[in-house]
Amino acid sequence: MTFVTVLRRGRLHDAIDGALAERGLRRRVIASLPPTQVVLTWHHRHDSDPAHAWLRGQVRDVLREATDGTA
């Protein structure tokens, strides 16, 4: 079986690896990608918009969680 999955930076194993191990299988890693910088941008007229500020905060929080706090 061949499939592709993306692991978060620094993570070498995840739930898929556990499920495969239970069946006596393992994943073969074929590629490693360098970290990518994520940048949030917006028009300056939204700088003081409370709803926009909230949304930016939500996006930042999700990115921090997804990148182990490095975003």
C-alpha atoms as a PDB file:
ATOM      1  CA  MET A   1       0.000   0.000   0.000  1.00  0.00           C
ATOM      2  CA  THR A   2       1.313   3.457  -0.891  1.00  0.00           C
ATOM      3  CA  PHE A   3       0.062   6.694   0.638  1.00  0.00           C
ATOM      4  CA  VAL A   4       1.286  10.161   1.473  1.00  0.00           C
ATOM      5  CA  THR A   5       0.949  11.948   4.778  1.00  0.00           C
ATOM      6  CA  VAL A   6       2.556  15.093   6.147  1.00  0.00           C
ATOM      7  CA  LEU A   7       3.943  15.144   9.665  1.00  0.00           C
ATOM      8  CA  ARG A   8       4.341  18.302  11.658  1.00  0.00           C
ATOM      9  CA  ARG A   9       7.851  19.640  11.960  1.00  0.00           C
ATOM     10  CA  GLY A  10       9.925  17.612  14.360  1.00  0.00           C
ATOM     11  CA  ARG A  11       7.420  14.787  14.597  1.00  0.00           C
ATOM     12  CA  LEU A  12       8.842  11.467  13.436  1.00  0.00           C
ATOM     13  CA  HIS A  13       5.852   9.287  14.400  1.00  0.00           C
ATOM     14  CA  ASP A  14       2.095   9.797  14.615  1.00  0.00           C
ATOM     15  CA  ALA A  15      -1.148   7.806  14.922  1.00  0.00           C
ATOM     16  CA  ILE A  16      -0.677   6.280  11.479  1.00  0.00           C
ATOM     17  CA  ASP A  17       2.661   4.806  12.560  1.00  0.00           C
ATOM     18  CA  GLY A  18       0.977   3.319  15.640  1.00  0.00           C
ATOM     19  CA  ALA A  19      -1.795   1.750  13.575  1.00  0.00           C
ATOM     20  CA  LEU A  20       0.730   0.295  11.139  1.00  0.00           C
ATOM     21  CA  ALA A  21       2.868  -1.086  13.988  1.00  0.00           C
ATOM     22  CA  GLU A  22      -0.171  -2.924  15.420  1.00  0.00           C
ATOM     23  CA  ARG A  23      -0.333  -4.772  12.100  1.00  0.00           C
ATOM     24  CA  GLY A  24       3.391  -5.459  11.953  1.00  0.00           C
ATOM     25  CA  LEU A  25       3.929  -2.805   9.285  1.00  0.00           C
ATOM     26  CA  ARG A  26       5.933   0.386   9.151  1.00  0.00           C
ATOM     27  CA  ARG A  27       6.064   3.493   7.048  1.00  0.00           C
ATOM     28  CA  ARG A  28       8.973   4.210   4.729  1.00  0.00           C
ATOM     29  CA  VAL A  29       9.825   7.918   4.697  1.00  0.00           C
ATOM     30  CA  ILE A  30      10.826   9.055   1.228  1.00  0.00           C
ATOM     31  CA  ALA A  31      11.153  12.825   1.541  1.00  0.00           C
ATOM     32  CA  SER A  32      12.008  15.505   4.040  1.00  0.00           C
ATOM     33  CA  LEU A  33      11.107  19.133   3.430  1.00  0.00           C
ATOM     34  CA  PRO A  34      12.721  22.141   5.086  1.00  0.00           C
ATOM     35  CA  PRO A  35      10.653  24.330   7.416  1.00  0.00           C
ATOM     36  CA  THR A  36       8.671  27.056   5.675  1.00  0.00           C
ATOM     37  CA  GLN A  37       8.084  30.525   7.045  1.00  0.00           C
ATOM     38  CA  VAL A  38       4.431  31.527   7.408  1.00  0.00           C
ATOM     39  CA  VAL A  39       3.622  35.242   7.228  1.00  0.00           C
ATOM     40  CA  LEU A  40       0.244  36.855   7.905  1.00  0.00           C
ATOM     41  CA  THR A  41      -0.516  40.043   5.998  1.00  0.00           C
ATOM     42  CA  TRP A  42      -3.543  42.315   5.865  1.00  0.00           C
ATOM     43  CA  HIS A  43      -4.508  45.766   4.678  1.00  0.00           C
ATOM     44  CA  HIS A  44      -3.638  48.491   7.194  1.00  0.00           C
ATOM     45  CA  ARG A  45      -7.280  49.614   7.381  1.00  0.00           C
ATOM     46  CA  HIS A  46      -7.957  46.391   9.325  1.00  0.00           C
ATOM     47  CA  ASP A  47      -5.293  47.053  11.974  1.00  0.00           C
ATOM     48  CA  SER A  48      -7.796  48.315  14.547  1.00  0.00           C
ATOM     49  CA  ASP A  49     -10.811  46.220  13.466  1.00  0.00           C
ATOM     50  CA  PRO A  50     -11.693  44.042  16.502  1.00  0.00           C
ATOM     51  CA  ALA A  51     -13.184  41.246  14.378  1.00  0.00           C
ATOM     52  CA  HIS A  52     -10.138  41.174  12.132  1.00  0.00           C
ATOM     53  CA  ALA A  53      -7.803  41.217  15.137  1.00  0.00           C
ATOM     54  CA  TRP A  54      -9.713  38.268  16.597  1.00  0.00           C
ATOM     55  CA  LEU A  55      -9.435  36.338  13.331  1.00  0.00           C
ATOM     56  CA  ARG A  56      -5.685  37.037  13.108  1.00  0.00           C
ATOM     57  CA  GLY A  57      -5.315  35.755  16.651  1.00  0.00           C
ATOM     58  CA  GLN A  58      -7.189  32.569  15.814  1.00  0.00           C
ATOM     59  CA  VAL A  59      -5.025  31.952  12.755  1.00  0.00           C
ATOM     60  CA  ARG A  60      -1.858  32.631  14.795  1.00  0.00           C
ATOM     61  CA  ASP A  61      -2.965  30.190  17.511  1.00  0.00           C
ATOM     62  CA  VAL A  62      -3.694  27.433  15.001  1.00  0.00           C
ATOM     63  CA  LEU A  63      -0.366  27.980  13.262  1.00  0.00           C
ATOM     64  CA  ARG A  64       1.536  27.922  16.561  1.00  0.00           C
ATOM     65  CA  GLU A  65      -0.129  24.656  17.523  1.00  0.00           C
ATOM     66  CA  ALA A  66       0.476  23.122  14.095  1.00  0.00           C
ATOM     67  CA  THR A  67       4.153  24.126  14.108  1.00  0.00           C
ATOM     68  CA  ASP A  68       4.934  23.341  17.745  1.00  0.00           C
ATOM     69  CA  GLY A  69       5.098  27.018  18.672  1.00  0.00           C
ATOM     70  CA  THR A  70       7.576  28.100  16.021  1.00  0.00           C
ATOM     71  CA  ALA A  71       5.141  30.125  13.871  1.00  0.00           C
END
